[in-house]
Amino acid sequence: MREYSPVSFRLSILDQCPIPEGLSAGDALRNSLDLAKMADQLGYTRYWLAEHHGTPGLACASPEVMIGPIAAATSRLRVGSGGVMLPHYSPLKVAENFSMLTGLYGGRIDLGIGRAPGTTAAVSFALQRDRRQPAPDDFREQLQELLGYFGDGTFGTAPFRQRLPARFETPEILLLGSSPQSAIWAAELGLPYVFADFINPAGAPLAEYYRAHFQASDRSSSPQVAVAVWAICAPTDEEALRLSASFRMLMLLLFRGRLVPVPPVERALCFLEQEGVPAGQLPLERRIITGSPAKVRAALETVAAEYGAEEVLVVNVMYDHALRRRSYELIAAACGLV
């Protein structure tokens, strides 16, 4: 196998815990645990769990439930949420959850915070405790309260903070986003910023805004940018493109309002052919990287350069767990991980 020099950025994994057709959510979560163990050995920096609700294709509704088992099964990886969708929850409860995890696995826990619902409007409503009226759009206030529990009041006093006898262990706190508002808040609050390029590939100007307007804080003295990128790697370009068919079918049906488990590759290829969709056609306004190790490395380097990112998180959805493992093995080797 060709040996590659190390890339200039840290390399991590964002896991959406895909549920292959014919398997259960438990099977998918055990696959994630297996993948995390391998990532720990390969030299990846972080392993993050995404939060999604009410879908038969993605298994993780509670990243904090998976963080503990994965941190316990690994020794070097940072493990965290990518992210906790804060509008659904009490900031105090999130602080307690991640304080406990940090206490158990000190120095290795990340709290990535997101604003998106991660589900449909109906499921978002079902997640609310009080359903007498729509939930308020008060993410900034929630975020400031959450930061207050972990800090000294620099970001404002959290309600009842002075009455809480417990000391909160502090994870690394990062703000996730795919829109301009997240860049503004991350800069104002002095938080590391993680942009979801796999949702919005036009985020490079937002990362530039974040760096230009960053205000130093106790959490970060300088701007820190990471970018989450969708990528599948295989020995050949043709095989990688073929393996991406499952995700392309999944996304096409999602845009039509149909939620399904991750389909097998052959069925996905037949479906795309019947629909008249070329195998390489992108889902609407998405960037998908597929290819051989050298091609994927070059593409990741290009995206990292666009964002000025110090870290790249690789995310993908695949039907075959063994081939998904192989994809991350190839990417690790191509990026010179040790």
Foldseek 3Di string as FASTA:
>chain_A
DDFAAFDQFAEAAEEQQFDFPPGQLVVSLVLLLVLLQVCLVLFHAAYAYEAAPDFRTGRHNDRLVSQQSSLVSHDHHQYEYPAAQQLLDQLVVVQVSQLVVCVVNPPRYEHEYENDPNYDPVVSLVSHPDNPDDRDPPVVVRVLLNVQLQDDQPSHHHPCSVVDPDRGRDHQYAYEDADLVSLVSCQVAVHEYEYECQVAVPCQVSLVVSQVRHDHDPNGRHYAYEYEAEEFADQFQVVQLLQQLQVVQQLVVVVVVDHDGRYASVVSVVVCVVVVHDSPDDDPNGDYYTGYLQRNVVVVSVSCVSNVHNYYHYYYHGNDSVSRSVRVSSNSSSNNRD
